[in-house]
Structures are given as structure tokens and as C-alpha cells.
């Protein structure tokens, strides 16, 4: 007997084609009578980028501006995710979306931590088509989650 699926974590990068993957998560939620939590992860500014900024302004000013911009960005992304859900109006009508989160951190570990802390039964996410060399050298967030998380993970290829 398969375990029940009641909580689905849909991790999105908000790229073109994300709605295609979201529809899979909603379809699965309908069939399992589950709810979908939506997560978008914003990666922090890298040390190289931070040092470039600090060539022009002080560290203190940089930190202050970064905090203000981060707050605006997180709010904007949350609004964008709400609009994204409203495009799939049936999701709201059927009470399929349990919540929307925008978190900061490295994408794969943050997705895994959020899924396990939130007691998700499954993760649904999209994957972009990369060349074999590109995937071998860079890896992808989706594959890092797939190979590092104990939860079942459904990867949906994002159409070109």
C-alpha cells in the first residue's frame, strides 16, 4: 500500500514554463485530495558580487541597501506568486494552495529543509533541459534535490 499524499511542496524558479509544472502539482493534489505549498528560493548575493558593490559604497551602506532591496524583492516575489496562483483560478476555488513562501538561501538545501520541516509528503518541481556536459559541470537544483532528499520528488520537464 502506498503512503498517503496530503502535502505537496511545489518548488518554483518562476521561469517561463513554471505554470506547466504548477498544473501538474494541482492535478496531483486534486487526485490525492492534498494541498500544495508553493516555495520560491532567492539565492543570496555571492561574495564576488558583494565585493564589487563594496568597491563603490561602504560595507555599512551596502548592508543597509541590501536589506531594503531584499525586503522589496521578497514582497514583489510573493505578490507575483499570488498572481501566479490567481491565473490558475480553480486552485483558489478548490482550496488546493495551502500557502506561499519566499525564502532566502541556497536553493536545493532550502527546498529540502522546507519540505522536511513542513512535513511534505512529496516535492514537485520543474527541470530545464541542459546539455549533458552542462548538467555534469553545473548540476541543477532539481537534480540536487532529487539525489539529496528522502522524499519522493516528481520532476517535470519544462517545455521549451
Protein backbone atom coordinates (compact mmCIF):
# COMPACT_ATOMS: atom_id res chain seq x y z
CA UNK A 1 0.00 0.00 0.00
CA UNK A 2 1.35 3.41 -0.98
CA UNK A 3 1.61 6.18 1.61
CA UNK A 4 -0.97 8.95 1.52
CA UNK A 5 -0.04 12.20 -0.16
CA UNK A 6 -1.66 15.12 1.65
CA UNK A 7 1.03 17.82 1.47
CA UNK A 8 2.81 18.63 -1.78
CA UNK A 9 5.64 21.13 -1.94
CA UNK A 10 5.82 22.86 -5.31
CA UNK A 11 9.24 24.50 -5.66
CA UNK A 12 9.43 27.05 -8.46
CA UNK A 13 12.03 29.33 -10.00
CA UNK A 14 9.24 31.36 -11.66
CA UNK A 15 10.78 30.83 -15.08
CA UNK A 16 8.80 30.54 -18.30
CA UNK A 17 7.04 27.23 -18.18
CA UNK A 18 6.52 27.26 -14.40
CA UNK A 19 2.75 27.27 -14.89
CA UNK A 20 3.09 23.96 -16.77
CA UNK A 21 4.72 22.38 -13.71
CA UNK A 22 2.23 24.06 -11.34
CA UNK A 23 -0.63 22.41 -13.24
CA UNK A 24 0.96 19.01 -12.57
CA UNK A 25 1.16 19.82 -8.85
CA UNK A 26 -2.50 20.92 -8.83
CA UNK A 27 -3.61 17.85 -10.76
CA UNK A 28 -1.80 15.60 -8.31
CA UNK A 29 -3.32 17.50 -5.39
CA UNK A 30 -6.82 17.04 -6.81
CA UNK A 31 -6.34 13.31 -7.32
CA UNK A 32 -4.88 12.80 -3.85
CA UNK A 33 -7.15 15.31 -2.09
CA UNK A 34 -4.00 17.09 -0.99
CA UNK A 35 -2.85 20.68 -0.68
CA UNK A 36 0.06 22.40 -2.42
CA UNK A 37 2.52 24.71 -0.69
CA UNK A 38 4.42 26.96 -3.07
CA UNK A 39 8.06 27.80 -2.44
CA UNK A 40 10.44 30.12 -4.27
CA UNK A 41 14.03 30.42 -3.06
CA UNK A 42 16.12 33.55 -3.62
CA UNK A 43 19.83 32.86 -3.62
CA UNK A 44 21.97 35.32 -1.61
CA UNK A 45 24.34 37.74 -3.28
CA UNK A 46 27.66 35.99 -3.90
CA UNK A 47 30.86 37.16 -2.26
CA UNK A 48 32.31 38.35 -5.59
CA UNK A 49 29.23 40.47 -6.33
CA UNK A 50 29.24 41.79 -2.76
CA UNK A 51 32.89 42.85 -3.08
CA UNK A 52 32.14 44.64 -6.36
CA UNK A 53 29.37 46.60 -4.67
CA UNK A 54 31.66 47.49 -1.78
CA UNK A 55 34.21 48.99 -4.17
CA UNK A 56 31.74 51.83 -4.65
CA UNK A 57 29.98 52.15 -1.30
CA UNK A 58 30.85 51.33 2.30
CA UNK A 59 30.10 47.94 3.81
CA UNK A 60 27.55 49.50 6.17
CA UNK A 61 25.74 51.29 3.31
CA UNK A 62 25.89 48.12 1.27
CA UNK A 63 24.30 46.06 4.07
CA UNK A 64 21.58 48.67 4.59
CA UNK A 65 20.73 48.90 0.90
CA UNK A 66 20.86 45.13 0.54
CA UNK A 67 18.37 44.71 3.43
CA UNK A 68 15.98 47.25 1.89
CA UNK A 69 16.21 45.73 -1.58
CA UNK A 70 15.85 42.19 -0.19
CA UNK A 71 12.65 43.19 1.63
CA UNK A 72 11.21 44.79 -1.53
CA UNK A 73 12.23 41.79 -3.64
CA UNK A 74 10.67 39.26 -1.28
CA UNK A 75 7.41 41.25 -1.21
CA UNK A 76 7.40 41.58 -5.00
CA UNK A 77 8.03 37.86 -5.44
CA UNK A 78 5.24 36.98 -3.01
CA UNK A 79 2.85 39.24 -4.94
CA UNK A 80 3.97 37.62 -8.19
CA UNK A 81 3.33 34.16 -6.75
CA UNK A 82 -0.16 35.21 -5.60
CA UNK A 83 -0.88 36.49 -9.12
CA UNK A 84 0.53 33.23 -10.49
CA UNK A 85 -1.98 31.30 -8.35
CA UNK A 86 -4.85 33.53 -9.39
CA UNK A 87 -4.12 32.72 -13.05
CA UNK A 88 -4.98 29.16 -12.09
CA UNK A 89 -8.27 30.37 -10.57
CA UNK A 90 -9.53 26.86 -9.94
CA UNK A 91 -6.72 26.35 -7.41
CA UNK A 92 -8.13 29.07 -5.17
CA UNK A 93 -11.71 27.87 -5.63
CA UNK A 94 -10.82 24.32 -4.66
CA UNK A 95 -8.65 25.38 -1.72
CA UNK A 96 -5.69 23.49 -3.16
CA UNK A 97 -2.99 26.04 -2.26
CA UNK A 98 -2.06 25.86 1.42
CA UNK A 99 0.46 28.70 1.37
CA UNK A 100 3.14 30.64 -0.42
CA UNK A 101 6.67 31.11 0.89
CA UNK A 102 9.62 33.07 -0.45
CA UNK A 103 12.84 32.16 1.36
CA UNK A 104 16.46 33.16 1.07
CA UNK A 105 19.27 30.63 0.82
CA UNK A 106 20.92 28.09 -1.42
CA UNK A 107 18.09 26.61 -3.47
CA UNK A 108 18.45 22.84 -3.06
CA UNK A 109 19.19 22.70 0.70
CA UNK A 110 16.47 25.29 1.39
CA UNK A 111 13.89 23.31 -0.60
CA UNK A 112 14.81 20.08 1.20
CA UNK A 113 14.73 21.72 4.64
CA UNK A 114 11.39 23.41 3.95
CA UNK A 115 9.91 20.14 2.69
CA UNK A 116 11.06 18.12 5.70
CA UNK A 117 10.26 20.82 8.28
CA UNK A 118 6.81 21.31 6.72
CA UNK A 119 6.13 17.55 6.69
CA UNK A 120 5.61 17.48 2.93
CA UNK A 121 4.78 14.09 1.50
CA UNK A 122 6.19 14.92 -1.92
CA UNK A 123 8.08 17.59 -3.87
CA UNK A 124 7.09 18.69 -7.37
CA UNK A 125 9.46 20.85 -9.38
CA UNK A 126 10.45 21.65 -12.92
CA UNK A 127 13.67 20.89 -14.67
CA UNK A 128 15.18 22.73 -17.60
CA UNK A 129 16.74 20.92 -20.50
CA UNK A 130 20.53 21.18 -20.36
CA UNK A 131 23.23 19.57 -22.42
CA UNK A 132 24.88 16.54 -20.82
CA UNK A 133 28.11 18.50 -20.39
CA UNK A 134 26.31 21.48 -18.85
CA UNK A 135 24.46 19.26 -16.42
CA UNK A 136 27.62 17.34 -15.48
CA UNK A 137 29.58 20.52 -14.84
CA UNK A 138 26.91 22.64 -13.20
CA UNK A 139 24.31 20.21 -11.93
CA UNK A 140 20.81 21.52 -11.44
CA UNK A 141 18.76 22.41 -8.40
CA UNK A 142 16.22 19.76 -9.39
CA UNK A 143 18.83 17.02 -9.56
CA UNK A 144 20.45 18.11 -6.30
CA UNK A 145 17.05 17.87 -4.60
CA UNK A 146 16.29 14.53 -6.27
CA UNK A 147 19.56 12.96 -5.12
CA UNK A 148 19.72 14.54 -1.65
CA UNK A 149 16.15 14.29 -0.39
CA UNK A 150 14.48 11.22 1.04
CA UNK A 151 11.03 12.43 -0.07
CA UNK A 152 9.53 11.34 -3.37
CA UNK A 153 10.30 14.04 -5.93
CA UNK A 154 8.46 14.48 -9.20
CA UNK A 155 10.49 16.31 -11.85
CA UNK A 156 8.55 17.81 -14.75
CA UNK A 157 10.49 18.86 -17.83
CA UNK A 158 9.73 22.50 -18.58
CA UNK A 159 8.78 22.84 -22.25
CA UNK A 160 10.99 24.99 -24.47
